[in-house]
Amino acid sequence: MSEFVKDVSDSSFEKDVLGSGKPVLVDFWAEWCAPCRMLAPTVAAVAQHYADTDTVVKLNARESCGNSSGMPISRAAKTPTIE
């Protein structure tokens, strides 16, 4: 985990994402997802590059399914999906 990427959960999602004063990139990931793990360094690099203007957070889709199920995420392509 990068110091520029914050972990969020169902309990902190509203405050950290919906209540953020900056644009937020949410990385929906899962431990079993090899492509998610492969993208982690790229997500961390994006977070570091945009640290002054944007927020990057990770939400474990398996553990925090309450928020991931309500997001407009394409179901045609499996995790990860970038829209």
PDB file of N, CA and C in Angstrom:
ATOM      1  N   MET A   1       0.849  -1.181   0.000  1.00  0.00           N
ATOM      2  CA  MET A   1       0.000   0.000   0.000  1.00  0.00           C
ATOM      3  C   MET A   1       0.889   1.235   0.000  1.00  0.00           C
ATOM      4  N   SER A   2       0.497   2.195  -0.765  1.00  0.00           N
ATOM      5  CA  SER A   2       1.218   3.455  -0.862  1.00  0.00           C
ATOM      6  C   SER A   2       0.753   4.417   0.228  1.00  0.00           C
ATOM      7  N   GLU A   3       1.629   5.298   0.627  1.00  0.00           N
ATOM      8  CA  GLU A   3       1.236   6.322   1.602  1.00  0.00           C
ATOM      9  C   GLU A   3       0.235   7.296   0.993  1.00  0.00           C
ATOM     10  N   PHE A   4       0.095   7.295  -0.340  1.00  0.00           N
ATOM     11  CA  PHE A   4      -0.807   8.208  -1.027  1.00  0.00           C
ATOM     12  C   PHE A   4      -2.172   7.584  -1.312  1.00  0.00           C
ATOM     13  N   VAL A   5      -2.324   6.294  -1.032  1.00  0.00           N
ATOM     14  CA  VAL A   5      -3.585   5.588  -1.257  1.00  0.00           C
ATOM     15  C   VAL A   5      -4.169   5.219   0.104  1.00  0.00           C
ATOM     16  N   LYS A   6      -5.400   5.628   0.331  1.00  0.00           N
ATOM     17  CA  LYS A   6      -6.047   5.382   1.613  1.00  0.00           C
ATOM     18  C   LYS A   6      -7.016   4.216   1.490  1.00  0.00           C
ATOM     19  N   ASP A   7      -7.037   3.338   2.484  1.00  0.00           N
ATOM     20  CA  ASP A   7      -8.021   2.261   2.558  1.00  0.00           C
ATOM     21  C   ASP A   7      -9.338   2.840   3.056  1.00  0.00           C
ATOM     22  N   VAL A   8     -10.433   2.489   2.397  1.00  0.00           N
ATOM     23  CA  VAL A   8     -11.758   2.871   2.875  1.00  0.00           C
ATOM     24  C   VAL A   8     -12.599   1.607   3.000  1.00  0.00           C
ATOM     25  N   SER A   9     -13.679   1.723   3.743  1.00  0.00           N
ATOM     26  CA  SER A   9     -14.597   0.601   3.956  1.00  0.00           C
ATOM     27  C   SER A   9     -16.018   1.140   3.881  1.00  0.00           C
ATOM     28  N   ASP A  10     -16.985   0.263   4.066  1.00  0.00           N
ATOM     29  CA  ASP A  10     -18.372   0.709   4.076  1.00  0.00           C
ATOM     30  C   ASP A  10     -18.588   1.812   5.119  1.00  0.00           C
ATOM     31  N   SER A  11     -17.943   1.657   6.265  1.00  0.00           N
ATOM     32  CA  SER A  11     -18.168   2.621   7.348  1.00  0.00           C
ATOM     33  C   SER A  11     -17.521   3.979   7.094  1.00  0.00           C
ATOM     34  N   SER A  12     -16.468   4.041   6.290  1.00  0.00           N
ATOM     35  CA  SER A  12     -15.807   5.319   6.039  1.00  0.00           C
ATOM     36  C   SER A  12     -16.072   5.868   4.635  1.00  0.00           C
ATOM     37  N   PHE A  13     -16.802   5.123   3.802  1.00  0.00           N
ATOM     38  CA  PHE A  13     -16.999   5.504   2.407  1.00  0.00           C
ATOM     39  C   PHE A  13     -17.685   6.864   2.259  1.00  0.00           C
ATOM     40  N   GLU A  14     -18.741   7.074   2.990  1.00  0.00           N
ATOM     41  CA  GLU A  14     -19.483   8.336   2.847  1.00  0.00           C
ATOM     42  C   GLU A  14     -18.605   9.534   3.188  1.00  0.00           C
ATOM     43  N   LYS A  15     -17.873   9.450   4.278  1.00  0.00           N
ATOM     44  CA  LYS A  15     -17.008  10.559   4.697  1.00  0.00           C
ATOM     45  C   LYS A  15     -15.824  10.739   3.741  1.00  0.00           C
ATOM     46  N   ASP A  16     -15.117   9.645   3.455  1.00  0.00           N
ATOM     47  CA  ASP A  16     -13.866   9.736   2.702  1.00  0.00           C
ATOM     48  C   ASP A  16     -14.049   9.899   1.194  1.00  0.00           C
ATOM     49  N   VAL A  17     -15.165   9.409   0.666  1.00  0.00           N
ATOM     50  CA  VAL A  17     -15.375   9.473  -0.783  1.00  0.00           C
ATOM     51  C   VAL A  17     -16.461  10.488  -1.130  1.00  0.00           C
ATOM     52  N   LEU A  18     -17.673  10.237  -0.660  1.00  0.00           N
ATOM     53  CA  LEU A  18     -18.785  11.110  -1.015  1.00  0.00           C
ATOM     54  C   LEU A  18     -18.657  12.501  -0.405  1.00  0.00           C
ATOM     55  N   GLY A  19     -18.015  12.589   0.755  1.00  0.00           N
ATOM     56  CA  GLY A  19     -17.855  13.872   1.422  1.00  0.00           C
ATOM     57  C   GLY A  19     -16.538  14.569   1.128  1.00  0.00           C
ATOM     58  N   SER A  20     -15.758  14.007   0.241  1.00  0.00           N
ATOM     59  CA  SER A  20     -14.455  14.596  -0.076  1.00  0.00           C
ATOM     60  C   SER A  20     -14.629  15.906  -0.828  1.00  0.00           C
ATOM     61  N   GLY A  21     -13.765  16.834  -0.543  1.00  0.00           N
ATOM     62  CA  GLY A  21     -13.770  18.115  -1.249  1.00  0.00           C
ATOM     63  C   GLY A  21     -13.005  18.064  -2.560  1.00  0.00           C
ATOM     64  N   LYS A  22     -12.397  16.918  -2.846  1.00  0.00           N
ATOM     65  CA  LYS A  22     -11.613  16.738  -4.071  1.00  0.00           C
ATOM     66  C   LYS A  22     -12.188  15.578  -4.874  1.00  0.00           C
ATOM     67  N   PRO A  23     -11.871  15.518  -6.175  1.00  0.00           N
ATOM     68  CA  PRO A  23     -12.251  14.329  -6.938  1.00  0.00           C
ATOM     69  C   PRO A  23     -11.596  13.089  -6.330  1.00  0.00           C
ATOM     70  N   VAL A  24     -12.303  11.951  -6.393  1.00  0.00           N
ATOM     71  CA  VAL A  24     -11.810  10.723  -5.776  1.00  0.00           C
ATOM     72  C   VAL A  24     -11.814   9.593  -6.802  1.00  0.00           C
ATOM     73  N   LEU A  25     -10.682   8.916  -6.911  1.00  0.00           N
ATOM     74  CA  LEU A  25     -10.575   7.687  -7.689  1.00  0.00           C
ATOM     75  C   LEU A  25     -10.702   6.537  -6.701  1.00  0.00           C
ATOM     76  N   VAL A  26     -11.711   5.682  -6.898  1.00  0.00           N
ATOM     77  CA  VAL A  26     -11.906   4.535  -6.018  1.00  0.00           C
ATOM     78  C   VAL A  26     -11.438   3.289  -6.757  1.00  0.00           C
ATOM     79  N   ASP A  27     -10.459   2.627  -6.170  1.00  0.00           N
ATOM     80  CA  ASP A  27      -9.954   1.365  -6.709  1.00  0.00           C
ATOM     81  C   ASP A  27     -10.678   0.234  -5.987  1.00  0.00           C
ATOM     82  N   PHE A  28     -11.672  -0.362  -6.680  1.00  0.00           N
ATOM     83  CA  PHE A  28     -12.370  -1.517  -6.139  1.00  0.00           C
ATOM     84  C   PHE A  28     -11.494  -2.728  -6.428  1.00  0.00           C
ATOM     85  N   TRP A  29     -11.063  -3.421  -5.382  1.00  0.00           N
ATOM     86  CA  TRP A  29     -10.119  -4.517  -5.568  1.00  0.00           C
ATOM     87  C   TRP A  29     -10.530  -5.700  -4.692  1.00  0.00           C
ATOM     88  N   ALA A  30      -9.860  -6.810  -4.917  1.00  0.00           N
ATOM     89  CA  ALA A  30     -10.071  -8.004  -4.095  1.00  0.00           C
ATOM     90  C   ALA A  30      -8.745  -8.742  -3.991  1.00  0.00           C
ATOM     91  N   GLU A  31      -8.508  -9.379  -2.850  1.00  0.00           N
ATOM     92  CA  GLU A  31      -7.243 -10.095  -2.635  1.00  0.00           C
ATOM     93  C   GLU A  31      -7.016 -11.191  -3.662  1.00  0.00           C
ATOM     94  N   TRP A  32      -8.081 -11.860  -4.097  1.00  0.00           N
ATOM     95  CA  TRP A  32      -7.964 -12.974  -5.031  1.00  0.00           C
ATOM     96  C   TRP A  32      -7.736 -12.514  -6.469  1.00  0.00           C
ATOM     97  N   CYS A  33      -7.861 -11.222  -6.726  1.00  0.00           N
ATOM     98  CA  CYS A  33      -7.810 -10.680  -8.084  1.00  0.00           C
ATOM     99  C   CYS A  33      -6.369 -10.356  -8.498  1.00  0.00           C
ATOM    100  N   ALA A  34      -5.781 -11.237  -9.305  1.00  0.00           N
ATOM    101  CA  ALA A  34      -4.400 -11.013  -9.763  1.00  0.00           C
ATOM    102  C   ALA A  34      -4.262  -9.718 -10.563  1.00  0.00           C
ATOM    103  N   PRO A  35      -5.180  -9.380 -11.476  1.00  0.00           N
ATOM    104  CA  PRO A  35      -5.057  -8.103 -12.191  1.00  0.00           C
ATOM    105  C   PRO A  35      -5.112  -6.894 -11.241  1.00  0.00           C
ATOM    106  N   CYS A  36      -5.886  -7.014 -10.167  1.00  0.00           N
ATOM    107  CA  CYS A  36      -5.939  -5.927  -9.177  1.00  0.00           C
ATOM    108  C   CYS A  36      -4.568  -5.722  -8.548  1.00  0.00           C
ATOM    109  N   ARG A  37      -3.923  -6.821  -8.199  1.00  0.00           N
ATOM    110  CA  ARG A  37      -2.586  -6.735  -7.604  1.00  0.00           C
ATOM    111  C   ARG A  37      -1.584  -6.186  -8.610  1.00  0.00           C
ATOM    112  N   MET A  38      -1.745  -6.546  -9.886  1.00  0.00           N
ATOM    113  CA  MET A  38      -0.842  -6.041 -10.923  1.00  0.00           C
ATOM    114  C   MET A  38      -1.014  -4.535 -11.127  1.00  0.00           C
ATOM    115  N   LEU A  39      -2.234  -4.038 -10.963  1.00  0.00           N
ATOM    116  CA  LEU A  39      -2.500  -2.609 -11.141  1.00  0.00           C
ATOM    117  C   LEU A  39      -2.113  -1.772  -9.921  1.00  0.00           C
ATOM    118  N   ALA A  40      -1.883  -2.399  -8.793  1.00  0.00           N
ATOM    119  CA  ALA A  40      -1.601  -1.659  -7.553  1.00  0.00           C
ATOM    120  C   ALA A  40      -0.460  -0.650  -7.690  1.00  0.00           C
ATOM    121  N   PRO A  41       0.673  -0.991  -8.315  1.00  0.00           N
ATOM    122  CA  PRO A  41       1.734   0.010  -8.464  1.00  0.00           C
ATOM    123  C   PRO A  41       1.307   1.190  -9.331  1.00  0.00           C
ATOM    124  N   THR A  42       0.485   0.946 -10.331  1.00  0.00           N
ATOM    125  CA  THR A  42       0.000   2.031 -11.189  1.00  0.00           C
ATOM    126  C   THR A  42      -0.956   2.930 -10.419  1.00  0.00           C
ATOM    127  N   VAL A  43      -1.838   2.324  -9.642  1.00  0.00           N
ATOM    128  CA  VAL A  43      -2.760   3.107  -8.805  1.00  0.00           C
ATOM    129  C   VAL A  43      -1.962   3.957  -7.822  1.00  0.00           C
ATOM    130  N   ALA A  44      -0.931   3.387  -7.227  1.00  0.00           N
ATOM    131  CA  ALA A  44      -0.089   4.134  -6.285  1.00  0.00           C
ATOM    132  C   ALA A  44       0.624   5.289  -6.978  1.00  0.00           C
ATOM    133  N   ALA A  45       1.097   5.074  -8.199  1.00  0.00           N
ATOM    134  CA  ALA A  45       1.779   6.134  -8.950  1.00  0.00           C
ATOM    135  C   ALA A  45       0.810   7.265  -9.301  1.00  0.00           C
ATOM    136  N   VAL A  46      -0.405   6.908  -9.685  1.00  0.00           N
ATOM    137  CA  VAL A  46      -1.430   7.925  -9.980  1.00  0.00           C
ATOM    138  C   VAL A  46      -1.741   8.711  -8.707  1.00  0.00           C
ATOM    139  N   ALA A  47      -1.871   8.014  -7.593  1.00  0.00           N
ATOM    140  CA  ALA A  47      -2.157   8.683  -6.319  1.00  0.00           C
ATOM    141  C   ALA A  47      -1.062   9.668  -5.948  1.00  0.00           C
ATOM    142  N   GLN A  48       0.177   9.259  -6.139  1.00  0.00           N
ATOM    143  CA  GLN A  48       1.295  10.148  -5.808  1.00  0.00           C
ATOM    144  C   GLN A  48       1.324  11.354  -6.736  1.00  0.00           C
ATOM    145  N   HIS A  49       1.105  11.111  -8.024  1.00  0.00           N
ATOM    146  CA  HIS A  49       1.153  12.199  -9.022  1.00  0.00           C
ATOM    147  C   HIS A  49       0.067  13.250  -8.766  1.00  0.00           C
ATOM    148  N   TYR A  50      -1.114  12.797  -8.379  1.00  0.00           N
ATOM    149  CA  TYR A  50      -2.244  13.715  -8.191  1.00  0.00           C
ATOM    150  C   TYR A  50      -2.546  14.017  -6.725  1.00  0.00           C
ATOM    151  N   ALA A  51      -1.618  13.759  -5.851  1.00  0.00           N
ATOM    152  CA  ALA A  51      -1.849  13.898  -4.407  1.00  0.00           C
ATOM    153  C   ALA A  51      -2.326  15.293  -4.002  1.00  0.00           C
ATOM    154  N   ASP A  52      -1.882  16.321  -4.702  1.00  0.00           N
ATOM    155  CA  ASP A  52      -2.264  17.688  -4.335  1.00  0.00           C
ATOM    156  C   ASP A  52      -3.680  18.053  -4.756  1.00  0.00           C
ATOM    157  N   THR A  53      -4.185  17.406  -5.795  1.00  0.00           N
ATOM    158  CA  THR A  53      -5.479  17.816  -6.334  1.00  0.00           C
ATOM    159  C   THR A  53      -6.583  16.776  -6.215  1.00  0.00           C
ATOM    160  N   ASP A  54      -6.223  15.514  -6.090  1.00  0.00           N
ATOM    161  CA  ASP A  54      -7.206  14.435  -6.069  1.00  0.00           C
ATOM    162  C   ASP A  54      -6.916  13.469  -4.927  1.00  0.00           C
ATOM    163  N   THR A  55      -7.865  12.597  -4.660  1.00  0.00           N
ATOM    164  CA  THR A  55      -7.709  11.571  -3.645  1.00  0.00           C
ATOM    165  C   THR A  55      -7.862  10.204  -4.301  1.00  0.00           C
ATOM    166  N   VAL A  56      -7.021   9.262  -3.916  1.00  0.00           N
ATOM    167  CA  VAL A  56      -7.129   7.888  -4.405  1.00  0.00           C
ATOM    168  C   VAL A  56      -7.332   6.984  -3.200  1.00  0.00           C
ATOM    169  N   VAL A  57      -8.378   6.165  -3.280  1.00  0.00           N
ATOM    170  CA  VAL A  57      -8.687   5.248  -2.194  1.00  0.00           C
ATOM    171  C   VAL A  57      -8.867   3.839  -2.747  1.00  0.00           C
ATOM    172  N   LYS A  58      -8.675   2.850  -1.870  1.00  0.00           N
ATOM    173  CA  LYS A  58      -8.899   1.444  -2.218  1.00  0.00           C
ATOM    174  C   LYS A  58     -10.043   0.930  -1.364  1.00  0.00           C
ATOM    175  N   LEU A  59     -10.957   0.221  -2.015  1.00  0.00           N
ATOM    176  CA  LEU A  59     -12.071  -0.379  -1.303  1.00  0.00           C
ATOM    177  C   LEU A  59     -12.090  -1.863  -1.641  1.00  0.00           C
ATOM    178  N   ASN A  60     -11.930  -2.693  -0.624  1.00  0.00           N
ATOM    179  CA  ASN A  60     -11.955  -4.138  -0.821  1.00  0.00           C
ATOM    180  C   ASN A  60     -13.394  -4.542  -1.147  1.00  0.00           C
ATOM    181  N   ALA A  61     -13.633  -4.930  -2.402  1.00  0.00           N
ATOM    182  CA  ALA A  61     -14.980  -5.228  -2.868  1.00  0.00           C
ATOM    183  C   ALA A  61     -15.578  -6.449  -2.169  1.00  0.00           C
ATOM    184  N   ARG A  62     -14.748  -7.348  -1.701  1.00  0.00           N
ATOM    185  CA  ARG A  62     -15.244  -8.550  -1.006  1.00  0.00           C
ATOM    186  C   ARG A  62     -15.721  -8.178   0.399  1.00  0.00           C
ATOM    187  N   GLU A  63     -14.940  -7.366   1.097  1.00  0.00           N
ATOM    188  CA  GLU A  63     -15.263  -7.018   2.482  1.00  0.00           C
ATOM    189  C   GLU A  63     -16.272  -5.879   2.589  1.00  0.00           C
ATOM    190  N   SER A  64     -16.301  -5.002   1.603  1.00  0.00           N
ATOM    191  CA  SER A  64     -17.173  -3.829   1.643  1.00  0.00           C
ATOM    192  C   SER A  64     -18.125  -3.839   0.459  1.00  0.00           C
ATOM    193  N   CYS A  65     -18.887  -4.886   0.348  1.00  0.00           N
ATOM    194  CA  CYS A  65     -19.755  -5.043  -0.820  1.00  0.00           C
ATOM    195  C   CYS A  65     -20.948  -4.101  -0.806  1.00  0.00           C
ATOM    196  N   GLY A  66     -21.226  -3.472   0.315  1.00  0.00           N
ATOM    197  CA  GLY A  66     -22.349  -2.540   0.381  1.00  0.00           C
ATOM    198  C   GLY A  66     -22.185  -1.371  -0.566  1.00  0.00           C
ATOM    199  N   ASN A  67     -20.994  -0.810  -0.665  1.00  0.00           N
ATOM    200  CA  ASN A  67     -20.760   0.329  -1.544  1.00  0.00           C
ATOM    201  C   ASN A  67     -20.419  -0.091  -2.962  1.00  0.00           C
ATOM    202  N   SER A  68     -19.685  -1.160  -3.124  1.00  0.00           N
ATOM    203  CA  SER A  68     -19.299  -1.561  -4.471  1.00  0.00           C
ATOM    204  C   SER A  68     -20.500  -2.029  -5.284  1.00  0.00           C
ATOM    205  N   SER A  69     -21.519  -2.550  -4.627  1.00  0.00           N
ATOM    206  CA  SER A  69     -22.689  -3.019  -5.364  1.00  0.00           C
ATOM    207  C   SER A  69     -23.563  -1.872  -5.854  1.00  0.00           C
ATOM    208  N   GLY A  70     -23.440  -0.704  -5.249  1.00  0.00           N
ATOM    209  CA  GLY A  70     -24.261   0.433  -5.655  1.00  0.00           C
ATOM    210  C   GLY A  70     -23.589   1.375  -6.632  1.00  0.00           C
ATOM    211  N   MET A  71     -22.372   1.081  -7.031  1.00  0.00           N
ATOM    212  CA  MET A  71     -21.630   1.952  -7.939  1.00  0.00           C
ATOM    213  C   MET A  71     -21.880   1.553  -9.389  1.00  0.00           C
ATOM    214  N   PRO A  72     -21.796   2.530 -10.294  1.00  0.00           N
ATOM    215  CA  PRO A  72     -21.996   2.240 -11.716  1.00  0.00           C
ATOM    216  C   PRO A  72     -20.767   1.579 -12.326  1.00  0.00           C
ATOM    217  N   ILE A  73     -20.550   0.322 -11.969  1.00  0.00           N
ATOM    218  CA  ILE A  73     -19.399  -0.431 -12.459  1.00  0.00           C
ATOM    219  C   ILE A  73     -19.898  -1.411 -13.499  1.00  0.00           C
ATOM    220  N   SER A  74     -19.224  -1.471 -14.610  1.00  0.00           N
ATOM    221  CA  SER A  74     -19.607  -2.383 -15.673  1.00  0.00           C
ATOM    222  C   SER A  74     -19.485  -3.822 -15.200  1.00  0.00           C
ATOM    223  N   ARG A  75     -20.504  -4.601 -15.412  1.00  0.00           N
ATOM    224  CA  ARG A  75     -20.458  -6.014 -15.053  1.00  0.00           C
ATOM    225  C   ARG A  75     -20.025  -6.861 -16.243  1.00  0.00           C
ATOM    226  N   ALA A  76     -19.905  -6.246 -17.424  1.00  0.00           N
ATOM    227  CA  ALA A  76     -19.480  -6.998 -18.609  1.00  0.00           C
ATOM    228  C   ALA A  76     -18.046  -7.467 -18.459  1.00  0.00           C
ATOM    229  N   ALA A  77     -17.196  -6.591 -17.982  1.00  0.00           N
ATOM    230  CA  ALA A  77     -15.799  -6.953 -17.728  1.00  0.00           C
ATOM    231  C   ALA A  77     -15.669  -7.181 -16.229  1.00  0.00           C
ATOM    232  N   LYS A  78     -14.991  -8.224 -15.862  1.00  0.00           N
ATOM    233  CA  LYS A  78     -14.819  -8.524 -14.442  1.00  0.00           C
ATOM    234  C   LYS A  78     -13.787  -7.590 -13.837  1.00  0.00           C
ATOM    235  N   THR A  79     -13.672  -7.616 -12.513  1.00  0.00           N
ATOM    236  CA  THR A  79     -12.695  -6.792 -11.819  1.00  0.00           C
ATOM    237  C   THR A  79     -11.327  -7.011 -12.422  1.00  0.00           C
ATOM    238  N   PRO A  80     -10.526  -6.039 -12.717  1.00  0.00           N
ATOM    239  CA  PRO A  80     -10.770  -4.610 -12.579  1.00  0.00           C
ATOM    240  C   PRO A  80     -11.417  -4.013 -13.836  1.00  0.00           C
ATOM    241  N   THR A  81     -12.162  -2.951 -13.642  1.00  0.00           N
ATOM    242  CA  THR A  81     -12.806  -2.238 -14.744  1.00  0.00           C
ATOM    243  C   THR A  81     -12.522  -0.764 -14.583  1.00  0.00           C
ATOM    244  N   ILE A  82     -12.073  -0.152 -15.625  1.00  0.00           N
ATOM    245  CA  ILE A  82     -11.842   1.298 -15.614  1.00  0.00           C
ATOM    246  C   ILE A  82     -12.780   1.905 -16.628  1.00  0.00           C
ATOM    247  N   GLU A  83     -13.627   2.825 -16.174  1.00  0.00           N
ATOM    248  CA  GLU A  83     -14.569   3.473 -17.075  1.00  0.00           C
ATOM    249  C   GLU A  83     -14.285   4.939 -17.150  1.00  0.00           C
TER     250      GLU A  83
END
